[in-house]
Amino acid sequence: MDGMNDGKRIVIAGGTGFLGQALAVALEQAGFSVVVLGRHRPVSASPDCFVPSENQDTAAWGRFVPWDGRTIGDWAGELDGADAIVNLAGRTVDCVKTPANCDEILRSRVESTRALGQACAERGITPRVWVQMSTAHIVGDPPTVVCDEDSPPGYGLAPDVGRAWEAEFHATKPEETRGVILRTSFVLDSGKGAMKRLGLLARVGLGGTVGHGRQGISWIHVGDMNRLFLRAIEDETMQGVYMATAPNPVSNREFMRALRQALGMPIGLPAPAFGVKIAARLLLRTDPELALEGRYCVSRRLEDEGFEFQFETILEAFADLYGN
């Protein structure tokens, strides 16, 4: 595979989070050359991500280039000759949903997508493929309905952001460039992203059912997410919208039980809804709906096209991530 991809350059926009770092490593291991666009090089970046400092002798996974995610700058030159664009840019939703934060969640996604498209247009660039992140939350939070690529958008901030995000992608992507939209669910990676907080709570005995526990959690192992990105880049038949989620979504009750089992923690105190609402806003500075609401999503298209998940069940995923 290395031989096939040598010399092919992938630009990851907004790739400084845990998902972008993991993808940069996977792409370099597959033989690609990686450029990561980000507002700030993360202080927490692992030593095997991005170009290391002079006193490190570890391999570099990708080259970091700063951008503001809004305006055309020197970074646009990195698109010249790029084989693919992967756009992950967007402010984290792990925050209190103040009007200012909601505005930034929307603008950071739409404006970064627009900037990439304008840079391609101004420089006459037509990448072979553009893989665009979107959100599985676009379907809203139906309590029992299982959603797939054909499900209608829901109501609320996440569906509104998802619609605007995808509309900007369609409007700005070069016409000749193959486009793939991955409506991404909860990406699982031990000690990273939301799992860092959930793992800590479970280890101290606070990993019980949240609220009524029936809310759906659609998830995907980070390894399968990377394999899906690679397939979207390399498979010329992939085009359009896909739900990036494992085939077996679970309830919050099942999810937390599996996490406790993987961590060897026999108890987990439940978290009533009123307590979550207070603690999320005042202590964790996040949105309680991230834990209290949810959805059950599957990907009809990935099943039809024969994508094979290495981790199909939540027990398999946690066993791999936590070594149990």
C-alpha atoms as a PDB file:
ATOM      1  CA  MET A   1       0.000   0.000   0.000  1.00  0.00           C
ATOM      2  CA  ASP A   2       2.878   2.373   0.751  1.00  0.00           C
ATOM      3  CA  GLY A   3       4.090   2.096  -2.819  1.00  0.00           C
ATOM      4  CA  MET A   4       0.673   2.993  -4.228  1.00  0.00           C
ATOM      5  CA  ASN A   5       0.356   6.120  -2.117  1.00  0.00           C
ATOM      6  CA  ASP A   6       3.941   7.447  -2.101  1.00  0.00           C
ATOM      7  CA  GLY A   7       3.941  11.068  -3.172  1.00  0.00           C
ATOM      8  CA  LYS A   8       0.197  11.541  -2.694  1.00  0.00           C
ATOM      9  CA  ARG A   9      -0.532  14.444  -0.356  1.00  0.00           C
ATOM     10  CA  ILE A  10      -3.561  14.704   1.901  1.00  0.00           C
ATOM     11  CA  VAL A  11      -4.552  18.012   3.495  1.00  0.00           C
ATOM     12  CA  ILE A  12      -6.465  17.628   6.774  1.00  0.00           C
ATOM     13  CA  ALA A  13      -8.236  20.865   7.673  1.00  0.00           C
ATOM     14  CA  GLY A  14      -8.956  21.230  11.371  1.00  0.00           C
ATOM     15  CA  GLY A  15      -6.871  18.178  12.101  1.00  0.00           C
ATOM     16  CA  THR A  16      -5.358  19.088  15.481  1.00  0.00           C
ATOM     17  CA  GLY A  17      -7.929  17.289  17.633  1.00  0.00           C
ATOM     18  CA  PHE A  18      -7.647  13.665  18.693  1.00  0.00           C
ATOM     19  CA  LEU A  19      -9.460  12.467  15.575  1.00  0.00           C
ATOM     20  CA  GLY A  20      -7.225  14.475  13.241  1.00  0.00           C
ATOM     21  CA  GLN A  21      -4.081  13.294  15.018  1.00  0.00           C
ATOM     22  CA  ALA A  22      -5.167   9.655  14.767  1.00  0.00           C
ATOM     23  CA  LEU A  23      -6.021  10.097  11.101  1.00  0.00           C
ATOM     24  CA  ALA A  24      -2.670  11.766  10.349  1.00  0.00           C
ATOM     25  CA  VAL A  25      -0.862   8.754  11.777  1.00  0.00           C
ATOM     26  CA  ALA A  26      -3.055   6.287   9.852  1.00  0.00           C
ATOM     27  CA  LEU A  27      -2.577   8.139   6.566  1.00  0.00           C
ATOM     28  CA  GLU A  28       1.198   8.358   6.928  1.00  0.00           C
ATOM     29  CA  GLN A  29       1.327   4.659   7.772  1.00  0.00           C
ATOM     30  CA  ALA A  30      -0.634   4.032   4.573  1.00  0.00           C
ATOM     31  CA  GLY A  31       2.064   5.847   2.601  1.00  0.00           C
ATOM     32  CA  PHE A  32       0.495   9.284   2.182  1.00  0.00           C
ATOM     33  CA  SER A  33       2.167  12.614   2.908  1.00  0.00           C
ATOM     34  CA  VAL A  34       0.029  14.619   5.350  1.00  0.00           C
ATOM     35  CA  VAL A  35      -0.416  18.354   5.892  1.00  0.00           C
ATOM     36  CA  VAL A  36      -2.528  19.427   8.875  1.00  0.00           C
ATOM     37  CA  LEU A  37      -4.195  22.855   8.908  1.00  0.00           C
ATOM     38  CA  GLY A  38      -5.074  24.168  12.360  1.00  0.00           C
ATOM     39  CA  ARG A  39      -5.552  27.348  14.327  1.00  0.00           C
ATOM     40  CA  HIS A  40      -3.105  26.265  17.016  1.00  0.00           C
ATOM     41  CA  ARG A  41      -0.675  23.389  17.265  1.00  0.00           C
ATOM     42  CA  PRO A  42      -2.021  21.499  20.283  1.00  0.00           C
ATOM     43  CA  VAL A  43       0.287  21.445  23.295  1.00  0.00           C
ATOM     44  CA  SER A  44      -1.091  17.990  24.120  1.00  0.00           C
ATOM     45  CA  ALA A  45      -0.140  16.513  20.746  1.00  0.00           C
ATOM     46  CA  SER A  46       1.515  13.152  21.178  1.00  0.00           C
ATOM     47  CA  PRO A  47       5.203  13.010  20.157  1.00  0.00           C
ATOM     48  CA  ASP A  48       4.408  10.817  17.151  1.00  0.00           C
ATOM     49  CA  CYS A  49       2.092  13.438  15.628  1.00  0.00           C
ATOM     50  CA  PHE A  50       3.188  16.320  13.433  1.00  0.00           C
ATOM     51  CA  VAL A  51       6.768  17.453  12.905  1.00  0.00           C
ATOM     52  CA  PRO A  52       8.745  16.865  16.112  1.00  0.00           C
ATOM     53  CA  SER A  53      11.073  19.383  17.713  1.00  0.00           C
ATOM     54  CA  GLU A  54      14.804  19.122  17.026  1.00  0.00           C
ATOM     55  CA  ASN A  55      15.531  17.201  20.226  1.00  0.00           C
ATOM     56  CA  GLN A  56      13.082  14.431  19.333  1.00  0.00           C
ATOM     57  CA  ASP A  57      14.123  11.482  17.224  1.00  0.00           C
ATOM     58  CA  THR A  58      10.639  10.040  16.752  1.00  0.00           C
ATOM     59  CA  ALA A  59       9.038   9.866  13.334  1.00  0.00           C
ATOM     60  CA  ALA A  60       6.959  12.808  12.190  1.00  0.00           C
ATOM     61  CA  TRP A  61       3.363  12.128  11.271  1.00  0.00           C
ATOM     62  CA  GLY A  62       2.314  15.060   9.164  1.00  0.00           C
ATOM     63  CA  ARG A  63       3.331  18.695   8.808  1.00  0.00           C
ATOM     64  CA  PHE A  64       1.453  21.413  10.685  1.00  0.00           C
ATOM     65  CA  VAL A  65       0.470  24.633   8.877  1.00  0.00           C
ATOM     66  CA  PRO A  66      -1.460  27.408  10.671  1.00  0.00           C
ATOM     67  CA  TRP A  67      -4.709  28.842   9.321  1.00  0.00           C
ATOM     68  CA  ASP A  68      -7.611  30.824  10.767  1.00  0.00           C
ATOM     69  CA  GLY A  69     -10.299  28.678   9.170  1.00  0.00           C
ATOM     70  CA  ARG A  70     -11.976  31.730   7.663  1.00  0.00           C
ATOM     71  CA  THR A  71      -9.806  33.659   5.231  1.00  0.00           C
ATOM     72  CA  ILE A  72      -7.487  32.785   2.367  1.00  0.00           C
ATOM     73  CA  GLY A  73      -3.842  32.896   3.428  1.00  0.00           C
ATOM     74  CA  ASP A  74      -0.481  31.268   2.809  1.00  0.00           C
ATOM     75  CA  TRP A  75      -2.018  27.938   3.808  1.00  0.00           C
ATOM     76  CA  ALA A  76      -3.889  27.853   0.484  1.00  0.00           C
ATOM     77  CA  GLY A  77      -0.641  26.955  -1.260  1.00  0.00           C
ATOM     78  CA  GLU A  78      -0.739  23.593   0.513  1.00  0.00           C
ATOM     79  CA  LEU A  79      -3.722  22.644  -1.664  1.00  0.00           C
ATOM     80  CA  ASP A  80      -1.637  22.838  -4.854  1.00  0.00           C
ATOM     81  CA  GLY A  81      -1.084  19.274  -6.014  1.00  0.00           C
ATOM     82  CA  ALA A  82      -3.022  17.767  -3.097  1.00  0.00           C
ATOM     83  CA  ASP A  83      -4.650  14.445  -3.919  1.00  0.00           C
ATOM     84  CA  ALA A  84      -7.371  14.847  -1.296  1.00  0.00           C
ATOM     85  CA  ILE A  85      -8.876  17.242   1.234  1.00  0.00           C
ATOM     86  CA  VAL A  86     -10.279  15.964   4.512  1.00  0.00           C
ATOM     87  CA  ASN A  87     -12.207  18.643   6.371  1.00  0.00           C
ATOM     88  CA  LEU A  88     -12.682  18.127  10.117  1.00  0.00           C
ATOM     89  CA  ALA A  89     -12.769  21.815  11.060  1.00  0.00           C
ATOM     90  CA  GLY A  90     -15.286  23.068  13.605  1.00  0.00           C
ATOM     91  CA  ARG A  91     -15.500  24.352  17.165  1.00  0.00           C
ATOM     92  CA  THR A  92     -16.110  21.625  19.731  1.00  0.00           C
ATOM     93  CA  VAL A  93     -19.715  21.085  20.806  1.00  0.00           C
ATOM     94  CA  ASP A  94     -18.465  20.128  24.279  1.00  0.00           C
ATOM     95  CA  CYS A  95     -19.438  23.495  25.770  1.00  0.00           C
ATOM     96  CA  VAL A  96     -22.298  25.388  27.358  1.00  0.00           C
ATOM     97  CA  LYS A  97     -24.669  26.356  24.553  1.00  0.00           C
ATOM     98  CA  THR A  98     -24.616  30.116  25.033  1.00  0.00           C
ATOM     99  CA  PRO A  99     -25.724  32.205  22.029  1.00  0.00           C
ATOM    100  CA  ALA A 100     -22.081  33.114  21.353  1.00  0.00           C
ATOM    101  CA  ASN A 101     -20.952  29.482  21.466  1.00  0.00           C
ATOM    102  CA  CYS A 102     -23.825  28.335  19.247  1.00  0.00           C
ATOM    103  CA  ASP A 103     -22.925  31.023  16.734  1.00  0.00           C
ATOM    104  CA  GLU A 104     -19.286  29.940  16.727  1.00  0.00           C
ATOM    105  CA  ILE A 105     -20.211  26.248  16.380  1.00  0.00           C
ATOM    106  CA  LEU A 106     -22.107  27.122  13.200  1.00  0.00           C
ATOM    107  CA  ARG A 107     -19.694  29.710  11.778  1.00  0.00           C
ATOM    108  CA  SER A 108     -16.550  27.650  12.372  1.00  0.00           C
ATOM    109  CA  ARG A 109     -17.964  24.824  10.253  1.00  0.00           C
ATOM    110  CA  VAL A 110     -19.523  26.829   7.453  1.00  0.00           C
ATOM    111  CA  GLU A 111     -16.733  29.395   7.121  1.00  0.00           C
ATOM    112  CA  SER A 112     -13.905  26.836   7.125  1.00  0.00           C
ATOM    113  CA  THR A 113     -15.671  24.812   4.421  1.00  0.00           C
ATOM    114  CA  ARG A 114     -16.227  27.979   2.398  1.00  0.00           C
ATOM    115  CA  ALA A 115     -12.556  29.005   2.781  1.00  0.00           C
ATOM    116  CA  LEU A 116     -11.374  25.660   1.413  1.00  0.00           C
ATOM    117  CA  GLY A 117     -13.722  25.904  -1.551  1.00  0.00           C
ATOM    118  CA  GLN A 118     -12.726  29.511  -2.297  1.00  0.00           C
ATOM    119  CA  ALA A 119      -9.037  28.589  -2.120  1.00  0.00           C
ATOM    120  CA  CYS A 120      -9.604  25.809  -4.655  1.00  0.00           C
ATOM    121  CA  ALA A 121     -11.510  28.172  -6.950  1.00  0.00           C
ATOM    122  CA  GLU A 122      -8.983  31.009  -6.755  1.00  0.00           C
ATOM    123  CA  ARG A 123      -6.036  28.724  -7.455  1.00  0.00           C
ATOM    124  CA  GLY A 124      -7.801  26.587 -10.058  1.00  0.00           C
ATOM    125  CA  ILE A 125      -7.340  23.450  -7.963  1.00  0.00           C
ATOM    126  CA  THR A 126      -9.412  20.298  -8.417  1.00  0.00           C
ATOM    127  CA  PRO A 127      -8.470  17.685  -5.800  1.00  0.00           C
ATOM    128  CA  ARG A 128      -9.377  14.126  -6.710  1.00  0.00           C
ATOM    129  CA  VAL A 129     -11.600  13.781  -3.620  1.00  0.00           C
ATOM    130  CA  TRP A 130     -12.901  15.921  -0.768  1.00  0.00           C
ATOM    131  CA  VAL A 131     -13.990  14.031   2.358  1.00  0.00           C
ATOM    132  CA  GLN A 132     -16.220  16.237   4.480  1.00  0.00           C
ATOM    133  CA  MET A 133     -17.054  15.716   8.123  1.00  0.00           C
ATOM    134  CA  SER A 134     -20.687  16.177   9.130  1.00  0.00           C
ATOM    135  CA  THR A 135     -22.727  15.041  12.103  1.00  0.00           C
ATOM    136  CA  ALA A 136     -25.001  12.081  12.755  1.00  0.00           C
ATOM    137  CA  HIS A 137     -26.916  14.499  15.012  1.00  0.00           C
ATOM    138  CA  ILE A 138     -28.442  15.951  11.841  1.00  0.00           C
ATOM    139  CA  VAL A 139     -31.308  13.487  12.355  1.00  0.00           C
ATOM    140  CA  GLY A 140     -32.120  15.025  15.731  1.00  0.00           C
ATOM    141  CA  ASP A 141     -32.839  12.916  18.805  1.00  0.00           C
ATOM    142  CA  PRO A 142     -35.738  10.554  18.018  1.00  0.00           C
ATOM    143  CA  PRO A 143     -36.275   8.365  21.117  1.00  0.00           C
ATOM    144  CA  THR A 144     -36.773   4.967  19.451  1.00  0.00           C
ATOM    145  CA  VAL A 145     -36.512   5.359  15.659  1.00  0.00           C
ATOM    146  CA  VAL A 146     -33.413   3.858  14.012  1.00  0.00           C
ATOM    147  CA  CYS A 147     -32.040   6.428  11.534  1.00  0.00           C
ATOM    148  CA  ASP A 148     -29.951   5.965   8.391  1.00  0.00           C
ATOM    149  CA  GLU A 149     -28.842   8.054   5.415  1.00  0.00           C
ATOM    150  CA  ASP A 150     -32.426   8.454   4.179  1.00  0.00           C
ATOM    151  CA  SER A 151     -33.825   9.740   7.471  1.00  0.00           C
ATOM    152  CA  PRO A 152     -35.058  13.351   7.463  1.00  0.00           C
ATOM    153  CA  PRO A 153     -33.188  16.038   9.416  1.00  0.00           C
ATOM    154  CA  GLY A 154     -34.412  16.687  12.926  1.00  0.00           C
ATOM    155  CA  TYR A 155     -35.101  19.859  14.876  1.00  0.00           C
ATOM    156  CA  GLY A 156     -32.637  21.892  16.936  1.00  0.00           C
ATOM    157  CA  LEU A 157     -29.105  23.281  16.885  1.00  0.00           C
ATOM    158  CA  ALA A 158     -27.297  20.158  15.673  1.00  0.00           C
ATOM    159  CA  PRO A 159     -29.654  19.490  12.737  1.00  0.00           C
ATOM    160  CA  ASP A 160     -29.540  23.167  11.744  1.00  0.00           C
ATOM    161  CA  VAL A 161     -25.738  23.165  11.872  1.00  0.00           C
ATOM    162  CA  GLY A 162     -25.580  19.896   9.929  1.00  0.00           C
ATOM    163  CA  ARG A 163     -27.823  21.207   7.164  1.00  0.00           C
ATOM    164  CA  ALA A 164     -25.848  24.457   6.818  1.00  0.00           C
ATOM    165  CA  TRP A 165     -22.521  22.580   6.918  1.00  0.00           C
ATOM    166  CA  GLU A 166     -23.486  20.164   4.158  1.00  0.00           C
ATOM    167  CA  ALA A 167     -25.134  22.895   2.056  1.00  0.00           C
ATOM    168  CA  GLU A 168     -21.903  24.922   2.100  1.00  0.00           C
ATOM    169  CA  PHE A 169     -19.924  21.846   1.072  1.00  0.00           C
ATOM    170  CA  HIS A 170     -22.182  21.224  -1.909  1.00  0.00           C
ATOM    171  CA  ALA A 171     -22.037  24.903  -2.886  1.00  0.00           C
ATOM    172  CA  THR A 172     -18.267  25.290  -2.657  1.00  0.00           C
ATOM    173  CA  LYS A 173     -16.760  21.914  -3.652  1.00  0.00           C
ATOM    174  CA  PRO A 174     -15.183  21.941  -7.137  1.00  0.00           C
ATOM    175  CA  GLU A 175     -17.642  20.318  -9.520  1.00  0.00           C
ATOM    176  CA  GLU A 176     -15.113  17.789 -10.818  1.00  0.00           C
ATOM    177  CA  THR A 177     -14.015  16.704  -7.331  1.00  0.00           C
ATOM    178  CA  ARG A 178     -15.568  13.539  -5.918  1.00  0.00           C
ATOM    179  CA  GLY A 179     -17.309  14.386  -2.652  1.00  0.00           C
ATOM    180  CA  VAL A 180     -17.925  12.148   0.360  1.00  0.00           C
ATOM    181  CA  ILE A 181     -19.819  13.340   3.454  1.00  0.00           C
ATOM    182  CA  LEU A 182     -19.307  11.312   6.636  1.00  0.00           C
ATOM    183  CA  ARG A 183     -22.024  11.999   9.191  1.00  0.00           C
ATOM    184  CA  THR A 184     -19.936  11.024  12.149  1.00  0.00           C
ATOM    185  CA  SER A 185     -21.236   9.545  15.376  1.00  0.00           C
ATOM    186  CA  PHE A 186     -19.462   9.257  18.765  1.00  0.00           C
ATOM    187  CA  VAL A 187     -15.847   8.297  17.970  1.00  0.00           C
ATOM    188  CA  LEU A 188     -14.378   6.092  20.699  1.00  0.00           C
ATOM    189  CA  ASP A 189     -10.716   6.344  21.682  1.00  0.00           C
ATOM    190  CA  SER A 190      -9.489   5.537  25.184  1.00  0.00           C
ATOM    191  CA  GLY A 191      -8.424   8.591  27.160  1.00  0.00           C
ATOM    192  CA  LYS A 192      -9.274  11.006  24.361  1.00  0.00           C
ATOM    193  CA  GLY A 193     -12.250  13.157  23.468  1.00  0.00           C
ATOM    194  CA  ALA A 194     -15.344  12.564  25.576  1.00  0.00           C
ATOM    195  CA  MET A 195     -14.055   9.114  26.597  1.00  0.00           C
ATOM    196  CA  LYS A 196     -11.383  10.774  28.731  1.00  0.00           C
ATOM    197  CA  ARG A 197     -14.100  12.206  30.979  1.00  0.00           C
ATOM    198  CA  LEU A 198     -16.345   9.149  30.857  1.00  0.00           C
ATOM    199  CA  GLY A 199     -13.475   6.798  31.643  1.00  0.00           C
ATOM    200  CA  LEU A 200     -12.481   8.866  34.676  1.00  0.00           C
ATOM    201  CA  LEU A 201     -16.048   8.937  35.999  1.00  0.00           C
ATOM    202  CA  ALA A 202     -16.400   5.180  35.542  1.00  0.00           C
ATOM    203  CA  ARG A 203     -13.110   4.464  37.307  1.00  0.00           C
ATOM    204  CA  VAL A 204     -14.229   6.322  40.452  1.00  0.00           C
ATOM    205  CA  GLY A 205     -17.617   4.594  40.555  1.00  0.00           C
ATOM    206  CA  LEU A 206     -19.697   7.307  38.879  1.00  0.00           C
ATOM    207  CA  GLY A 207     -20.195   5.490  35.580  1.00  0.00           C
ATOM    208  CA  GLY A 208     -23.831   4.546  36.032  1.00  0.00           C
ATOM    209  CA  THR A 209     -26.871   5.116  33.862  1.00  0.00           C
ATOM    210  CA  VAL A 210     -27.429   8.747  32.864  1.00  0.00           C
ATOM    211  CA  GLY A 211     -31.004   9.979  33.144  1.00  0.00           C
ATOM    212  CA  HIS A 212     -33.535   7.325  32.138  1.00  0.00           C
ATOM    213  CA  GLY A 213     -30.803   5.467  30.212  1.00  0.00           C
ATOM    214  CA  ARG A 214     -32.883   4.767  27.107  1.00  0.00           C
ATOM    215  CA  GLN A 215     -31.308   7.485  24.962  1.00  0.00           C
ATOM    216  CA  GLY A 216     -29.410   6.062  22.025  1.00  0.00           C
ATOM    217  CA  ILE A 217     -25.649   6.194  21.571  1.00  0.00           C
ATOM    218  CA  SER A 218     -24.409   5.750  18.018  1.00  0.00           C
ATOM    219  CA  TRP A 219     -20.674   5.111  18.111  1.00  0.00           C
ATOM    220  CA  ILE A 220     -17.652   4.044  16.069  1.00  0.00           C
ATOM    221  CA  HIS A 221     -14.200   2.818  17.133  1.00  0.00           C
ATOM    222  CA  VAL A 222     -11.423   5.221  16.112  1.00  0.00           C
ATOM    223  CA  GLY A 223      -9.713   2.426  14.174  1.00  0.00           C
ATOM    224  CA  ASP A 224     -12.820   1.829  12.067  1.00  0.00           C
ATOM    225  CA  MET A 225     -13.202   5.587  11.618  1.00  0.00           C
ATOM    226  CA  ASN A 226      -9.681   5.770  10.183  1.00  0.00           C
ATOM    227  CA  ARG A 227     -10.385   2.808   7.894  1.00  0.00           C
ATOM    228  CA  LEU A 228     -13.527   4.557   6.690  1.00  0.00           C
ATOM    229  CA  PHE A 229     -11.575   7.753   5.950  1.00  0.00           C
ATOM    230  CA  LEU A 230      -9.023   5.709   3.997  1.00  0.00           C
ATOM    231  CA  ARG A 231     -11.743   3.974   2.012  1.00  0.00           C
ATOM    232  CA  ALA A 232     -13.421   7.305   1.226  1.00  0.00           C
ATOM    233  CA  ILE A 233     -10.102   8.644  -0.069  1.00  0.00           C
ATOM    234  CA  GLU A 234      -9.102   5.593  -2.108  1.00  0.00           C
ATOM    235  CA  ASP A 235     -12.389   4.041  -3.320  1.00  0.00           C
ATOM    236  CA  GLU A 236     -13.551   5.908  -6.425  1.00  0.00           C
ATOM    237  CA  THR A 237     -17.041   4.424  -6.083  1.00  0.00           C
ATOM    238  CA  MET A 238     -17.714   6.139  -2.751  1.00  0.00           C
ATOM    239  CA  GLN A 239     -19.699   9.335  -3.202  1.00  0.00           C
ATOM    240  CA  GLY A 240     -22.384  11.234  -1.326  1.00  0.00           C
ATOM    241  CA  VAL A 241     -23.623  10.903   2.257  1.00  0.00           C
ATOM    242  CA  TYR A 242     -22.734   8.084   4.667  1.00  0.00           C
ATOM    243  CA  MET A 243     -23.515   7.546   8.331  1.00  0.00           C
ATOM    244  CA  ALA A 244     -20.120   6.969   9.953  1.00  0.00           C
ATOM    245  CA  THR A 245     -21.299   4.696  12.725  1.00  0.00           C
ATOM    246  CA  ALA A 246     -20.961   1.079  13.828  1.00  0.00           C
ATOM    247  CA  PRO A 247     -23.873  -1.255  12.970  1.00  0.00           C
ATOM    248  CA  ASN A 248     -24.998  -1.769  16.587  1.00  0.00           C
ATOM    249  CA  PRO A 249     -25.998   1.419  18.428  1.00  0.00           C
ATOM    250  CA  VAL A 250     -26.807   0.945  22.104  1.00  0.00           C
ATOM    251  CA  SER A 251     -28.743   2.658  24.859  1.00  0.00           C
ATOM    252  CA  ASN A 252     -26.911   4.778  27.409  1.00  0.00           C
ATOM    253  CA  ARG A 253     -27.606   2.076  29.992  1.00  0.00           C
ATOM    254  CA  GLU A 254     -25.900  -0.575  27.828  1.00  0.00           C
ATOM    255  CA  PHE A 255     -23.022   1.764  26.963  1.00  0.00           C
ATOM    256  CA  MET A 256     -22.173   2.583  30.573  1.00  0.00           C
ATOM    257  CA  ARG A 257     -22.511  -1.072  31.635  1.00  0.00           C
ATOM    258  CA  ALA A 258     -20.046  -2.115  28.891  1.00  0.00           C
ATOM    259  CA  LEU A 259     -17.617   0.635  29.919  1.00  0.00           C
ATOM    260  CA  ARG A 260     -17.681  -0.473  33.566  1.00  0.00           C
ATOM    261  CA  GLN A 261     -17.112  -4.061  32.484  1.00  0.00           C
ATOM    262  CA  ALA A 262     -14.114  -3.101  30.344  1.00  0.00           C
ATOM    263  CA  LEU A 263     -12.601  -1.113  33.223  1.00  0.00           C
ATOM    264  CA  GLY A 264     -13.266  -3.823  35.809  1.00  0.00           C
ATOM    265  CA  MET A 265     -15.460  -1.502  37.898  1.00  0.00           C
ATOM    266  CA  PRO A 266     -18.366  -3.467  39.436  1.00  0.00           C
ATOM    267  CA  ILE A 267     -20.397  -0.452  40.526  1.00  0.00           C
ATOM    268  CA  GLY A 268     -21.574   2.732  38.881  1.00  0.00           C
ATOM    269  CA  LEU A 269     -23.774   5.250  40.634  1.00  0.00           C
ATOM    270  CA  PRO A 270     -26.595   6.477  38.386  1.00  0.00           C
ATOM    271  CA  ALA A 271     -26.793  10.142  37.433  1.00  0.00           C
ATOM    272  CA  PRO A 272     -30.360  11.525  37.582  1.00  0.00           C
ATOM    273  CA  ALA A 273     -31.298  14.047  34.938  1.00  0.00           C
ATOM    274  CA  PHE A 274     -31.607  16.993  37.313  1.00  0.00           C
ATOM    275  CA  GLY A 275     -28.144  16.310  38.710  1.00  0.00           C
ATOM    276  CA  VAL A 276     -26.632  16.061  35.229  1.00  0.00           C
ATOM    277  CA  LYS A 277     -28.157  19.411  34.273  1.00  0.00           C
ATOM    278  CA  ILE A 278     -26.628  21.116  37.286  1.00  0.00           C
ATOM    279  CA  ALA A 279     -23.205  19.445  37.162  1.00  0.00           C
ATOM    280  CA  ALA A 280     -22.797  19.757  33.387  1.00  0.00           C
ATOM    281  CA  ARG A 281     -23.316  23.508  33.330  1.00  0.00           C
ATOM    282  CA  LEU A 282     -21.691  24.514  36.619  1.00  0.00           C
ATOM    283  CA  LEU A 283     -18.858  21.992  37.055  1.00  0.00           C
ATOM    284  CA  LEU A 284     -18.055  20.494  33.650  1.00  0.00           C
ATOM    285  CA  ARG A 285     -18.970  23.608  31.615  1.00  0.00           C
ATOM    286  CA  THR A 286     -20.703  21.557  28.975  1.00  0.00           C
ATOM    287  CA  ASP A 287     -24.161  20.886  27.565  1.00  0.00           C
ATOM    288  CA  PRO A 288     -26.199  18.345  29.583  1.00  0.00           C
ATOM    289  CA  GLU A 289     -28.104  17.350  26.427  1.00  0.00           C
ATOM    290  CA  LEU A 290     -24.925  15.666  25.153  1.00  0.00           C
ATOM    291  CA  ALA A 291     -25.558  13.011  27.820  1.00  0.00           C
ATOM    292  CA  LEU A 292     -29.332  13.194  28.241  1.00  0.00           C
ATOM    293  CA  GLU A 293     -30.312  13.043  24.561  1.00  0.00           C
ATOM    294  CA  GLY A 294     -29.254  10.599  21.860  1.00  0.00           C
ATOM    295  CA  ARG A 295     -30.101   8.741  18.698  1.00  0.00           C
ATOM    296  CA  TYR A 296     -29.876   5.237  17.202  1.00  0.00           C
ATOM    297  CA  CYS A 297     -28.130   5.414  13.819  1.00  0.00           C
ATOM    298  CA  VAL A 298     -26.953   2.779  11.354  1.00  0.00           C
ATOM    299  CA  SER A 299     -25.440   3.022   7.878  1.00  0.00           C
ATOM    300  CA  ARG A 300     -27.499   1.327   5.210  1.00  0.00           C
ATOM    301  CA  ARG A 301     -25.018   2.451   2.539  1.00  0.00           C
ATOM    302  CA  LEU A 302     -21.902   1.032   4.230  1.00  0.00           C
ATOM    303  CA  GLU A 303     -23.698  -2.277   4.711  1.00  0.00           C
ATOM    304  CA  ASP A 304     -24.827  -2.339   1.079  1.00  0.00           C
ATOM    305  CA  GLU A 305     -21.306  -1.493  -0.134  1.00  0.00           C
ATOM    306  CA  GLY A 306     -19.644  -4.179   1.962  1.00  0.00           C
ATOM    307  CA  PHE A 307     -17.653  -2.124   4.467  1.00  0.00           C
ATOM    308  CA  GLU A 308     -16.493  -4.492   7.199  1.00  0.00           C
ATOM    309  CA  PHE A 309     -16.188  -3.110  10.720  1.00  0.00           C
ATOM    310  CA  GLN A 310     -13.462  -4.572  12.879  1.00  0.00           C
ATOM    311  CA  PHE A 311     -15.473  -3.599  15.962  1.00  0.00           C
ATOM    312  CA  GLU A 312     -19.185  -4.237  15.480  1.00  0.00           C
ATOM    313  CA  THR A 313     -20.273  -4.350  19.120  1.00  0.00           C
ATOM    314  CA  ILE A 314     -19.590  -1.992  22.001  1.00  0.00           C
ATOM    315  CA  LEU A 315     -18.070  -4.843  24.036  1.00  0.00           C
ATOM    316  CA  GLU A 316     -15.551  -5.559  21.257  1.00  0.00           C
ATOM    317  CA  ALA A 317     -14.686  -1.874  20.958  1.00  0.00           C
ATOM    318  CA  PHE A 318     -14.118  -1.358  24.683  1.00  0.00           C
ATOM    319  CA  ALA A 319     -12.180  -4.617  25.024  1.00  0.00           C
ATOM    320  CA  ASP A 320      -9.750  -3.354  22.383  1.00  0.00           C
ATOM    321  CA  LEU A 321      -9.488   0.183  23.757  1.00  0.00           C
ATOM    322  CA  TYR A 322      -9.019  -0.805  27.385  1.00  0.00           C
ATOM    323  CA  GLY A 323      -7.120  -4.067  26.903  1.00  0.00           C
ATOM    324  CA  ASN A 324      -9.594  -6.254  28.747  1.00  0.00           C
END
